Amino acid sequence: MPTTVFRCLLLLSLAVVDGISYAASAHEQDQLSLVQQQLDVIERLVTQAAATSAAEHDGRYRFDYLRLTQDIQRIRQGVQNYLSPSRAQPRDPTKLVGDYRLDTPPAELSP
């Protein structure tokens, strides 16, 4: 008899914990969906800034918009892999670059 009560309590506690985890994952999914939407907006802004920057190329350094776009895509891919995993735990050992400054080569001197 005590083992039956114990089993019932165990099943009840597992059902409660399982229900709580679904509530947390739904909230987390909503938040990560918002992150994906914000990444879309950021990527559009980066594209616009890159187009504007192409016309104003006069400094020694310039921003590496291509590298930033690649990092945004990697972040988006990581979020998507988490939301729709192909296996139990997503794993991506590649790190983001994070350095977005390019040296502009000096203009060649003509003889």
PDB file of N, CA and C in Angstrom:
ATOM      1  N   MET A   1       0.813  -1.201   0.000  1.00  0.00           N
ATOM      2  CA  MET A   1       0.000   0.000   0.000  1.00  0.00           C
ATOM      3  C   MET A   1       0.860   1.269   0.000  1.00  0.00           C
ATOM      4  N   PRO A   2       1.914   1.386   0.849  1.00  0.00           N
ATOM      5  CA  PRO A   2       2.736   2.584   0.817  1.00  0.00           C
ATOM      6  C   PRO A   2       3.407   2.786  -0.538  1.00  0.00           C
ATOM      7  N   THR A   3       3.774   1.700  -1.211  1.00  0.00           N
ATOM      8  CA  THR A   3       4.415   1.869  -2.509  1.00  0.00           C
ATOM      9  C   THR A   3       3.417   2.396  -3.544  1.00  0.00           C
ATOM     10  N   THR A   4       2.164   2.046  -3.426  1.00  0.00           N
ATOM     11  CA  THR A   4       1.148   2.558  -4.346  1.00  0.00           C
ATOM     12  C   THR A   4       0.965   4.054  -4.143  1.00  0.00           C
ATOM     13  N   VAL A   5       0.939   4.510  -2.907  1.00  0.00           N
ATOM     14  CA  VAL A   5       0.810   5.929  -2.600  1.00  0.00           C
ATOM     15  C   VAL A   5       2.047   6.671  -3.106  1.00  0.00           C
ATOM     16  N   PHE A   6       3.200   6.066  -2.883  1.00  0.00           N
ATOM     17  CA  PHE A   6       4.439   6.673  -3.355  1.00  0.00           C
ATOM     18  C   PHE A   6       4.439   6.810  -4.874  1.00  0.00           C
ATOM     19  N   ARG A   7       3.994   5.774  -5.568  1.00  0.00           N
ATOM     20  CA  ARG A   7       3.945   5.815  -7.036  1.00  0.00           C
ATOM     21  C   ARG A   7       2.970   6.888  -7.521  1.00  0.00           C
ATOM     22  N   CYS A   8       1.824   6.989  -6.841  1.00  0.00           N
ATOM     23  CA  CYS A   8       0.847   8.014  -7.225  1.00  0.00           C
ATOM     24  C   CYS A   8       1.414   9.418  -7.012  1.00  0.00           C
ATOM     25  N   LEU A   9       2.076   9.633  -5.876  1.00  0.00           N
ATOM     26  CA  LEU A   9       2.694  10.931  -5.612  1.00  0.00           C
ATOM     27  C   LEU A   9       3.804  11.239  -6.623  1.00  0.00           C
ATOM     28  N   LEU A  10       4.563  10.220  -6.958  1.00  0.00           N
ATOM     29  CA  LEU A  10       5.626  10.400  -7.937  1.00  0.00           C
ATOM     30  C   LEU A  10       5.049  10.786  -9.306  1.00  0.00           C
ATOM     31  N   LEU A  11       3.993  10.075  -9.733  1.00  0.00           N
ATOM     32  CA  LEU A  11       3.361  10.396 -11.009  1.00  0.00           C
ATOM     33  C   LEU A  11       2.756  11.790 -10.992  1.00  0.00           C
ATOM     34  N   LEU A  12       2.133  12.175  -9.867  1.00  0.00           N
ATOM     35  CA  LEU A  12       1.546  13.504  -9.752  1.00  0.00           C
ATOM     36  C   LEU A  12       2.634  14.577  -9.825  1.00  0.00           C
ATOM     37  N   SER A  13       3.747  14.373  -9.126  1.00  0.00           N
ATOM     38  CA  SER A  13       4.823  15.361  -9.153  1.00  0.00           C
ATOM     39  C   SER A  13       5.445  15.458 -10.543  1.00  0.00           C
ATOM     40  N   LEU A  14       5.581  14.328 -11.237  1.00  0.00           N
ATOM     41  CA  LEU A  14       6.107  14.364 -12.592  1.00  0.00           C
ATOM     42  C   LEU A  14       5.157  15.099 -13.530  1.00  0.00           C
ATOM     43  N   ALA A  15       3.863  14.921 -13.353  1.00  0.00           N
ATOM     44  CA  ALA A  15       2.884  15.612 -14.192  1.00  0.00           C
ATOM     45  C   ALA A  15       2.944  17.124 -13.947  1.00  0.00           C
ATOM     46  N   VAL A  16       3.097  17.533 -12.687  1.00  0.00           N
ATOM     47  CA  VAL A  16       3.176  18.960 -12.365  1.00  0.00           C
ATOM     48  C   VAL A  16       4.443  19.557 -12.945  1.00  0.00           C
ATOM     49  N   VAL A  17       5.570  18.903 -12.757  1.00  0.00           N
ATOM     50  CA  VAL A  17       6.847  19.397 -13.277  1.00  0.00           C
ATOM     51  C   VAL A  17       6.802  19.432 -14.795  1.00  0.00           C
ATOM     52  N   ASP A  18       6.234  18.412 -15.413  1.00  0.00           N
ATOM     53  CA  ASP A  18       6.142  18.366 -16.857  1.00  0.00           C
ATOM     54  C   ASP A  18       5.274  19.507 -17.381  1.00  0.00           C
ATOM     55  N   GLY A  19       4.177  19.802 -16.718  1.00  0.00           N
ATOM     56  CA  GLY A  19       3.308  20.909 -17.106  1.00  0.00           C
ATOM     57  C   GLY A  19       4.006  22.243 -16.961  1.00  0.00           C
ATOM     58  N   ILE A  20       4.797  22.412 -15.908  1.00  0.00           N
ATOM     59  CA  ILE A  20       5.549  23.648 -15.708  1.00  0.00           C
ATOM     60  C   ILE A  20       6.594  23.823 -16.805  1.00  0.00           C
ATOM     61  N   SER A  21       7.263  22.736 -17.198  1.00  0.00           N
ATOM     62  CA  SER A  21       8.287  22.854 -18.238  1.00  0.00           C
ATOM     63  C   SER A  21       7.671  23.230 -19.576  1.00  0.00           C
ATOM     64  N   TYR A  22       6.474  22.752 -19.870  1.00  0.00           N
ATOM     65  CA  TYR A  22       5.824  23.166 -21.114  1.00  0.00           C
ATOM     66  C   TYR A  22       5.502  24.652 -21.090  1.00  0.00           C
ATOM     67  N   ALA A  23       5.049  25.165 -19.928  1.00  0.00           N
ATOM     68  CA  ALA A  23       4.740  26.594 -19.833  1.00  0.00           C
ATOM     69  C   ALA A  23       6.008  27.424 -20.056  1.00  0.00           C
ATOM     70  N   ALA A  24       7.114  26.982 -19.471  1.00  0.00           N
ATOM     71  CA  ALA A  24       8.370  27.718 -19.633  1.00  0.00           C
ATOM     72  C   ALA A  24       8.849  27.644 -21.077  1.00  0.00           C
ATOM     73  N   SER A  25       8.721  26.493 -21.710  1.00  0.00           N
ATOM     74  CA  SER A  25       9.211  26.377 -23.076  1.00  0.00           C
ATOM     75  C   SER A  25       8.336  27.189 -24.043  1.00  0.00           C
ATOM     76  N   ALA A  26       7.043  27.303 -23.787  1.00  0.00           N
ATOM     77  CA  ALA A  26       6.193  28.127 -24.649  1.00  0.00           C
ATOM     78  C   ALA A  26       6.602  29.591 -24.542  1.00  0.00           C
ATOM     79  N   HIS A  27       6.875  30.046 -23.322  1.00  0.00           N
ATOM     80  CA  HIS A  27       7.333  31.423 -23.124  1.00  0.00           C
ATOM     81  C   HIS A  27       8.692  31.634 -23.794  1.00  0.00           C
ATOM     82  N   GLU A  28       9.558  30.658 -23.619  1.00  0.00           N
ATOM     83  CA  GLU A  28      10.887  30.748 -24.226  1.00  0.00           C
ATOM     84  C   GLU A  28      10.778  30.762 -25.750  1.00  0.00           C
ATOM     85  N   GLN A  29       9.893  29.956 -26.297  1.00  0.00           N
ATOM     86  CA  GLN A  29       9.705  29.949 -27.743  1.00  0.00           C
ATOM     87  C   GLN A  29       9.200  31.305 -28.232  1.00  0.00           C
ATOM     88  N   ASP A  30       8.291  31.908 -27.486  1.00  0.00           N
ATOM     89  CA  ASP A  30       7.805  33.241 -27.847  1.00  0.00           C
ATOM     90  C   ASP A  30       8.948  34.253 -27.839  1.00  0.00           C
ATOM     91  N   GLN A  31       9.767  34.197 -26.805  1.00  0.00           N
ATOM     92  CA  GLN A  31      10.892  35.133 -26.700  1.00  0.00           C
ATOM     93  C   GLN A  31      11.900  34.922 -27.829  1.00  0.00           C
ATOM     94  N   LEU A  32      12.194  33.667 -28.140  1.00  0.00           N
ATOM     95  CA  LEU A  32      13.151  33.394 -29.210  1.00  0.00           C
ATOM     96  C   LEU A  32      12.577  33.740 -30.581  1.00  0.00           C
ATOM     97  N   SER A  33      11.282  33.630 -30.745  1.00  0.00           N
ATOM     98  CA  SER A  33      10.656  34.089 -31.991  1.00  0.00           C
ATOM     99  C   SER A  33      10.811  35.594 -32.138  1.00  0.00           C
ATOM    100  N   LEU A  34      10.684  36.316 -31.025  1.00  0.00           N
ATOM    101  CA  LEU A  34      10.926  37.758 -31.057  1.00  0.00           C
ATOM    102  C   LEU A  34      12.378  38.070 -31.415  1.00  0.00           C
ATOM    103  N   VAL A  35      13.300  37.270 -30.888  1.00  0.00           N
ATOM    104  CA  VAL A  35      14.715  37.452 -31.214  1.00  0.00           C
ATOM    105  C   VAL A  35      14.920  37.278 -32.718  1.00  0.00           C
ATOM    106  N   GLN A  36      14.281  36.277 -33.302  1.00  0.00           N
ATOM    107  CA  GLN A  36      14.415  36.061 -34.739  1.00  0.00           C
ATOM    108  C   GLN A  36      13.862  37.242 -35.538  1.00  0.00           C
ATOM    109  N   GLN A  37      12.734  37.792 -35.108  1.00  0.00           N
ATOM    110  CA  GLN A  37      12.175  38.959 -35.792  1.00  0.00           C
ATOM    111  C   GLN A  37      13.126  40.151 -35.680  1.00  0.00           C
ATOM    112  N   GLN A  38      13.729  40.321 -34.510  1.00  0.00           N
ATOM    113  CA  GLN A  38      14.662  41.423 -34.320  1.00  0.00           C
ATOM    114  C   GLN A  38      15.921  41.222 -35.164  1.00  0.00           C
ATOM    115  N   LEU A  39      16.348  39.988 -35.314  1.00  0.00           N
ATOM    116  CA  LEU A  39      17.494  39.714 -36.188  1.00  0.00           C
ATOM    117  C   LEU A  39      17.170  40.066 -37.635  1.00  0.00           C
ATOM    118  N   ASP A  40      15.929  39.824 -38.068  1.00  0.00           N
ATOM    119  CA  ASP A  40      15.514  40.218 -39.419  1.00  0.00           C
ATOM    120  C   ASP A  40      15.620  41.731 -39.596  1.00  0.00           C
ATOM    121  N   VAL A  41      15.153  42.475 -38.597  1.00  0.00           N
ATOM    122  CA  VAL A  41      15.214  43.940 -38.659  1.00  0.00           C
ATOM    123  C   VAL A  41      16.668  44.403 -38.685  1.00  0.00           C
ATOM    124  N   ILE A  42      17.495  43.827 -37.826  1.00  0.00           N
ATOM    125  CA  ILE A  42      18.912  44.201 -37.775  1.00  0.00           C
ATOM    126  C   ILE A  42      19.581  43.907 -39.110  1.00  0.00           C
ATOM    127  N   GLU A  43      19.257  42.774 -39.702  1.00  0.00           N
ATOM    128  CA  GLU A  43      19.880  42.425 -40.976  1.00  0.00           C
ATOM    129  C   GLU A  43      19.470  43.406 -42.080  1.00  0.00           C
ATOM    130  N   ARG A  44      18.218  43.834 -42.078  1.00  0.00           N
ATOM    131  CA  ARG A  44      17.792  44.849 -43.056  1.00  0.00           C
ATOM    132  C   ARG A  44      18.546  46.160 -42.831  1.00  0.00           C
ATOM    133  N   LEU A  45      18.726  46.562 -41.566  1.00  0.00           N
ATOM    134  CA  LEU A  45      19.459  47.791 -41.269  1.00  0.00           C
ATOM    135  C   LEU A  45      20.916  47.682 -41.709  1.00  0.00           C
ATOM    136  N   VAL A  46      21.508  46.510 -41.513  1.00  0.00           N
ATOM    137  CA  VAL A  46      22.897  46.293 -41.931  1.00  0.00           C
ATOM    138  C   VAL A  46      23.006  46.395 -43.457  1.00  0.00           C
ATOM    139  N   THR A  47      22.034  45.835 -44.164  1.00  0.00           N
ATOM    140  CA  THR A  47      22.039  45.907 -45.628  1.00  0.00           C
ATOM    141  C   THR A  47      21.941  47.348 -46.100  1.00  0.00           C
ATOM    142  N   GLN A  48      21.067  48.125 -45.464  1.00  0.00           N
ATOM    143  CA  GLN A  48      20.927  49.536 -45.823  1.00  0.00           C
ATOM    144  C   GLN A  48      22.206  50.308 -45.512  1.00  0.00           C
ATOM    145  N   ALA A  49      22.796  50.044 -44.348  1.00  0.00           N
ATOM    146  CA  ALA A  49      24.024  50.742 -43.967  1.00  0.00           C
ATOM    147  C   ALA A  49      25.170  50.376 -44.903  1.00  0.00           C
ATOM    148  N   ALA A  50      25.227  49.122 -45.335  1.00  0.00           N
ATOM    149  CA  ALA A  50      26.281  48.705 -46.259  1.00  0.00           C
ATOM    150  C   ALA A  50      26.133  49.407 -47.602  1.00  0.00           C
ATOM    151  N   ALA A  51      24.893  49.554 -48.057  1.00  0.00           N
ATOM    152  CA  ALA A  51      24.664  50.254 -49.332  1.00  0.00           C
ATOM    153  C   ALA A  51      25.074  51.721 -49.215  1.00  0.00           C
ATOM    154  N   THR A  52      24.757  52.347 -48.089  1.00  0.00           N
ATOM    155  CA  THR A  52      25.130  53.745 -47.868  1.00  0.00           C
ATOM    156  C   THR A  52      26.640  53.882 -47.743  1.00  0.00           C
ATOM    157  N   SER A  53      27.256  52.946 -47.053  1.00  0.00           N
ATOM    158  CA  SER A  53      28.695  52.994 -46.824  1.00  0.00           C
ATOM    159  C   SER A  53      29.492  52.801 -48.104  1.00  0.00           C
ATOM    160  N   ALA A  54      28.953  52.053 -49.040  1.00  0.00           N
ATOM    161  CA  ALA A  54      29.677  51.801 -50.291  1.00  0.00           C
ATOM    162  C   ALA A  54      29.935  53.103 -51.042  1.00  0.00           C
ATOM    163  N   ALA A  55      29.028  54.051 -50.922  1.00  0.00           N
ATOM    164  CA  ALA A  55      29.190  55.338 -51.604  1.00  0.00           C
ATOM    165  C   ALA A  55      30.169  56.252 -50.874  1.00  0.00           C
ATOM    166  N   GLU A  56      30.363  56.037 -49.579  1.00  0.00           N
ATOM    167  CA  GLU A  56      31.211  56.916 -48.758  1.00  0.00           C
ATOM    168  C   GLU A  56      32.485  56.196 -48.320  1.00  0.00           C
ATOM    169  N   HIS A  57      33.280  55.746 -49.227  1.00  0.00           N
ATOM    170  CA  HIS A  57      34.479  54.985 -48.882  1.00  0.00           C
ATOM    171  C   HIS A  57      35.696  55.895 -48.898  1.00  0.00           C
ATOM    172  N   ASP A  58      35.924  56.620 -47.795  1.00  0.00           N
ATOM    173  CA  ASP A  58      37.050  57.548 -47.784  1.00  0.00           C
ATOM    174  C   ASP A  58      37.943  57.415 -46.558  1.00  0.00           C
ATOM    175  N   GLY A  59      37.630  56.556 -45.626  1.00  0.00           N
ATOM    176  CA  GLY A  59      38.430  56.445 -44.416  1.00  0.00           C
ATOM    177  C   GLY A  59      39.478  55.362 -44.500  1.00  0.00           C
ATOM    178  N   ARG A  60      40.323  55.330 -43.495  1.00  0.00           N
ATOM    179  CA  ARG A  60      41.362  54.303 -43.445  1.00  0.00           C
ATOM    180  C   ARG A  60      40.756  52.949 -43.093  1.00  0.00           C
ATOM    181  N   TYR A  61      39.754  52.979 -42.231  1.00  0.00           N
ATOM    182  CA  TYR A  61      39.082  51.752 -41.831  1.00  0.00           C
ATOM    183  C   TYR A  61      37.646  51.787 -42.321  1.00  0.00           C
ATOM    184  N   ARG A  62      37.098  50.612 -42.540  1.00  0.00           N
ATOM    185  CA  ARG A  62      35.691  50.519 -42.885  1.00  0.00           C
ATOM    186  C   ARG A  62      35.082  49.333 -42.140  1.00  0.00           C
ATOM    187  N   PHE A  63      33.789  49.378 -42.015  1.00  0.00           N
ATOM    188  CA  PHE A  63      33.075  48.348 -41.274  1.00  0.00           C
ATOM    189  C   PHE A  63      32.877  47.132 -42.174  1.00  0.00           C
ATOM    190  N   ASP A  64      33.074  45.941 -41.617  1.00  0.00           N
ATOM    191  CA  ASP A  64      32.935  44.698 -42.379  1.00  0.00           C
ATOM    192  C   ASP A  64      31.491  44.203 -42.275  1.00  0.00           C
ATOM    193  N   TYR A  65      30.640  44.726 -43.148  1.00  0.00           N
ATOM    194  CA  TYR A  65      29.218  44.384 -43.119  1.00  0.00           C
ATOM    195  C   TYR A  65      28.978  42.926 -43.489  1.00  0.00           C
ATOM    196  N   LEU A  66      29.784  42.377 -44.372  1.00  0.00           N
ATOM    197  CA  LEU A  66      29.625  40.978 -44.756  1.00  0.00           C
ATOM    198  C   LEU A  66      29.831  40.055 -43.556  1.00  0.00           C
ATOM    199  N   ARG A  67      30.860  40.314 -42.781  1.00  0.00           N
ATOM    200  CA  ARG A  67      31.144  39.488 -41.599  1.00  0.00           C
ATOM    201  C   ARG A  67      30.026  39.616 -40.575  1.00  0.00           C
ATOM    202  N   LEU A  68      29.509  40.820 -40.386  1.00  0.00           N
ATOM    203  CA  LEU A  68      28.396  41.019 -39.459  1.00  0.00           C
ATOM    204  C   LEU A  68      27.162  40.252 -39.934  1.00  0.00           C
ATOM    205  N   THR A  69      26.877  40.309 -41.220  1.00  0.00           N
ATOM    206  CA  THR A  69      25.734  39.577 -41.772  1.00  0.00           C
ATOM    207  C   THR A  69      25.900  38.077 -41.574  1.00  0.00           C
ATOM    208  N   GLN A  70      27.103  37.577 -41.756  1.00  0.00           N
ATOM    209  CA  GLN A  70      27.356  36.151 -41.540  1.00  0.00           C
ATOM    210  C   GLN A  70      27.141  35.770 -40.079  1.00  0.00           C
ATOM    211  N   ASP A  71      27.576  36.621 -39.155  1.00  0.00           N
ATOM    212  CA  ASP A  71      27.367  36.344 -37.734  1.00  0.00           C
ATOM    213  C   ASP A  71      25.881  36.382 -37.374  1.00  0.00           C
ATOM    214  N   ILE A  72      25.138  37.317 -37.949  1.00  0.00           N
ATOM    215  CA  ILE A  72      23.697  37.380 -37.693  1.00  0.00           C
ATOM    216  C   ILE A  72      23.028  36.107 -38.201  1.00  0.00           C
ATOM    217  N   GLN A  73      23.440  35.637 -39.354  1.00  0.00           N
ATOM    218  CA  GLN A  73      22.877  34.397 -39.897  1.00  0.00           C
ATOM    219  C   GLN A  73      23.212  33.205 -39.007  1.00  0.00           C
ATOM    220  N   ARG A  74      24.418  33.205 -38.448  1.00  0.00           N
ATOM    221  CA  ARG A  74      24.802  32.105 -37.539  1.00  0.00           C
ATOM    222  C   ARG A  74      23.971  32.136 -36.265  1.00  0.00           C
ATOM    223  N   ILE A  75      23.715  33.331 -35.749  1.00  0.00           N
ATOM    224  CA  ILE A  75      22.876  33.449 -34.554  1.00  0.00           C
ATOM    225  C   ILE A  75      21.465  32.963 -34.875  1.00  0.00           C
ATOM    226  N   ARG A  76      20.936  33.409 -36.023  1.00  0.00           N
ATOM    227  CA  ARG A  76      19.597  32.986 -36.425  1.00  0.00           C
ATOM    228  C   ARG A  76      19.532  31.464 -36.560  1.00  0.00           C
ATOM    229  N   GLN A  77      20.555  30.875 -37.161  1.00  0.00           N
ATOM    230  CA  GLN A  77      20.605  29.430 -37.340  1.00  0.00           C
ATOM    231  C   GLN A  77      20.656  28.715 -35.990  1.00  0.00           C
ATOM    232  N   GLY A  78      21.414  29.268 -35.044  1.00  0.00           N
ATOM    233  CA  GLY A  78      21.488  28.656 -33.716  1.00  0.00           C
ATOM    234  C   GLY A  78      20.157  28.698 -32.994  1.00  0.00           C
ATOM    235  N   VAL A  79      19.445  29.825 -33.092  1.00  0.00           N
ATOM    236  CA  VAL A  79      18.122  29.930 -32.472  1.00  0.00           C
ATOM    237  C   VAL A  79      17.168  28.951 -33.133  1.00  0.00           C
ATOM    238  N   GLN A  80      17.207  28.879 -34.462  1.00  0.00           N
ATOM    239  CA  GLN A  80      16.319  27.964 -35.181  1.00  0.00           C
ATOM    240  C   GLN A  80      16.627  26.515 -34.832  1.00  0.00           C
ATOM    241  N   ASN A  81      17.901  26.172 -34.718  1.00  0.00           N
ATOM    242  CA  ASN A  81      18.279  24.810 -34.340  1.00  0.00           C
ATOM    243  C   ASN A  81      17.814  24.474 -32.928  1.00  0.00           C
ATOM    244  N   TYR A  82      17.785  25.468 -32.046  1.00  0.00           N
ATOM    245  CA  TYR A  82      17.299  25.242 -30.691  1.00  0.00           C
ATOM    246  C   TYR A  82      15.791  25.034 -30.692  1.00  0.00           C
ATOM    247  N   LEU A  83      15.070  25.836 -31.484  1.00  0.00           N
ATOM    248  CA  LEU A  83      13.615  25.720 -31.529  1.00  0.00           C
ATOM    249  C   LEU A  83      13.170  24.444 -32.226  1.00  0.00           C
ATOM    250  N   SER A  84      13.907  23.999 -33.208  1.00  0.00           N
ATOM    251  CA  SER A  84      13.574  22.778 -33.954  1.00  0.00           C
ATOM    252  C   SER A  84      14.815  21.890 -34.027  1.00  0.00           C
ATOM    253  N   PRO A  85      15.186  21.286 -32.903  1.00  0.00           N
ATOM    254  CA  PRO A  85      16.443  20.526 -32.885  1.00  0.00           C
ATOM    255  C   PRO A  85      16.347  19.245 -33.708  1.00  0.00           C
ATOM    256  N   SER A  86      17.452  18.897 -34.323  1.00  0.00           N
ATOM    257  CA  SER A  86      17.535  17.635 -35.047  1.00  0.00           C
ATOM    258  C   SER A  86      17.989  16.515 -34.112  1.00  0.00           C
ATOM    259  N   ARG A  87      18.455  16.905 -32.950  1.00  0.00           N
ATOM    260  CA  ARG A  87      18.846  15.942 -31.921  1.00  0.00           C
ATOM    261  C   ARG A  87      18.533  16.561 -30.564  1.00  0.00           C
ATOM    262  N   ALA A  88      18.804  15.858 -29.506  1.00  0.00           N
ATOM    263  CA  ALA A  88      18.398  16.303 -28.163  1.00  0.00           C
ATOM    264  C   ALA A  88      19.021  17.638 -27.765  1.00  0.00           C
ATOM    265  N   GLN A  89      20.293  17.840 -28.024  1.00  0.00           N
ATOM    266  CA  GLN A  89      20.976  19.062 -27.594  1.00  0.00           C
ATOM    267  C   GLN A  89      21.740  19.660 -28.759  1.00  0.00           C
ATOM    268  N   PRO A  90      21.354  20.858 -29.233  1.00  0.00           N
ATOM    269  CA  PRO A  90      22.101  21.446 -30.342  1.00  0.00           C
ATOM    270  C   PRO A  90      23.528  21.795 -29.931  1.00  0.00           C
ATOM    271  N   ARG A  91      24.432  21.601 -30.863  1.00  0.00           N
ATOM    272  CA  ARG A  91      25.826  21.900 -30.570  1.00  0.00           C
ATOM    273  C   ARG A  91      26.465  22.509 -31.810  1.00  0.00           C
ATOM    274  N   ASP A  92      27.065  23.646 -31.633  1.00  0.00           N
ATOM    275  CA  ASP A  92      27.758  24.315 -32.722  1.00  0.00           C
ATOM    276  C   ASP A  92      29.053  24.884 -32.166  1.00  0.00           C
ATOM    277  N   PRO A  93      30.173  24.200 -32.383  1.00  0.00           N
ATOM    278  CA  PRO A  93      31.428  24.635 -31.769  1.00  0.00           C
ATOM    279  C   PRO A  93      32.061  25.859 -32.417  1.00  0.00           C
ATOM    280  N   THR A  94      31.575  26.315 -33.560  1.00  0.00           N
ATOM    281  CA  THR A  94      32.166  27.463 -34.233  1.00  0.00           C
ATOM    282  C   THR A  94      31.777  28.743 -33.514  1.00  0.00           C
ATOM    283  N   LYS A  95      32.742  29.615 -33.302  1.00  0.00           N
ATOM    284  CA  LYS A  95      32.492  30.866 -32.587  1.00  0.00           C
ATOM    285  C   LYS A  95      32.248  31.999 -33.556  1.00  0.00           C
ATOM    286  N   LEU A  96      31.576  33.045 -33.058  1.00  0.00           N
ATOM    287  CA  LEU A  96      31.372  34.246 -33.851  1.00  0.00           C
ATOM    288  C   LEU A  96      32.686  34.993 -33.976  1.00  0.00           C
ATOM    289  N   VAL A  97      32.830  35.743 -35.025  1.00  0.00           N
ATOM    290  CA  VAL A  97      34.070  36.474 -35.262  1.00  0.00           C
ATOM    291  C   VAL A  97      34.147  37.676 -34.335  1.00  0.00           C
ATOM    292  N   GLY A  98      33.175  38.579 -34.425  1.00  0.00           N
ATOM    293  CA  GLY A  98      33.092  39.715 -33.536  1.00  0.00           C
ATOM    294  C   GLY A  98      33.975  40.903 -33.874  1.00  0.00           C
ATOM    295  N   ASP A  99      34.909  40.769 -34.796  1.00  0.00           N
ATOM    296  CA  ASP A  99      35.768  41.880 -35.184  1.00  0.00           C
ATOM    297  C   ASP A  99      35.306  42.361 -36.549  1.00  0.00           C
ATOM    298  N   TYR A 100      34.776  43.575 -36.602  1.00  0.00           N
ATOM    299  CA  TYR A 100      34.143  44.054 -37.825  1.00  0.00           C
ATOM    300  C   TYR A 100      34.880  45.240 -38.452  1.00  0.00           C
ATOM    301  N   ARG A 101      36.143  45.415 -38.150  1.00  0.00           N
ATOM    302  CA  ARG A 101      36.898  46.530 -38.716  1.00  0.00           C
ATOM    303  C   ARG A 101      37.846  45.998 -39.777  1.00  0.00           C
ATOM    304  N   LEU A 102      37.779  46.578 -40.948  1.00  0.00           N
ATOM    305  CA  LEU A 102      38.673  46.213 -42.043  1.00  0.00           C
ATOM    306  C   LEU A 102      39.635  47.355 -42.294  1.00  0.00           C
ATOM    307  N   ASP A 103      40.877  47.026 -42.526  1.00  0.00           N
ATOM    308  CA  ASP A 103      41.844  48.049 -42.943  1.00  0.00           C
ATOM    309  C   ASP A 103      41.653  48.314 -44.419  1.00  0.00           C
ATOM    310  N   THR A 104      41.562  49.563 -44.771  1.00  0.00           N
ATOM    311  CA  THR A 104      41.472  49.927 -46.170  1.00  0.00           C
ATOM    312  C   THR A 104      42.872  49.989 -46.726  1.00  0.00           C
ATOM    313  N   PRO A 105      43.128  49.243 -47.809  1.00  0.00           N
ATOM    314  CA  PRO A 105      44.493  49.276 -48.363  1.00  0.00           C
ATOM    315  C   PRO A 105      44.814  50.664 -48.871  1.00  0.00           C
ATOM    316  N   PRO A 106      46.063  51.114 -48.688  1.00  0.00           N
ATOM    317  CA  PRO A 106      46.429  52.460 -49.165  1.00  0.00           C
ATOM    318  C   PRO A 106      46.321  52.526 -50.677  1.00  0.00           C
ATOM    319  N   ALA A 107      45.968  53.689 -51.175  1.00  0.00           N
ATOM    320  CA  ALA A 107      45.875  53.887 -52.616  1.00  0.00           C
ATOM    321  C   ALA A 107      47.253  53.739 -53.231  1.00  0.00           C
ATOM    322  N   GLU A 108      47.287  53.057 -54.355  1.00  0.00           N
ATOM    323  CA  GLU A 108      48.576  52.839 -55.011  1.00  0.00           C
ATOM    324  C   GLU A 108      49.051  54.148 -55.645  1.00  0.00           C
ATOM    325  N   LEU A 109      50.318  54.423 -55.474  1.00  0.00           N
ATOM    326  CA  LEU A 109      50.918  55.608 -56.082  1.00  0.00           C
ATOM    327  C   LEU A 109      51.259  55.313 -57.536  1.00  0.00           C
ATOM    328  N   SER A 110      50.866  56.191 -58.396  1.00  0.00           N
ATOM    329  CA  SER A 110      51.197  55.988 -59.812  1.00  0.00           C
ATOM    330  C   SER A 110      52.527  56.690 -60.109  1.00  0.00           C
ATOM    331  N   PRO A 111      53.394  56.082 -60.915  1.00  0.00           N
ATOM    332  CA  PRO A 111      54.709  56.671 -61.197  1.00  0.00           C
ATOM    333  C   PRO A 111      54.667  57.860 -62.110  1.00  0.00           C
TER     334      PRO A 111
END
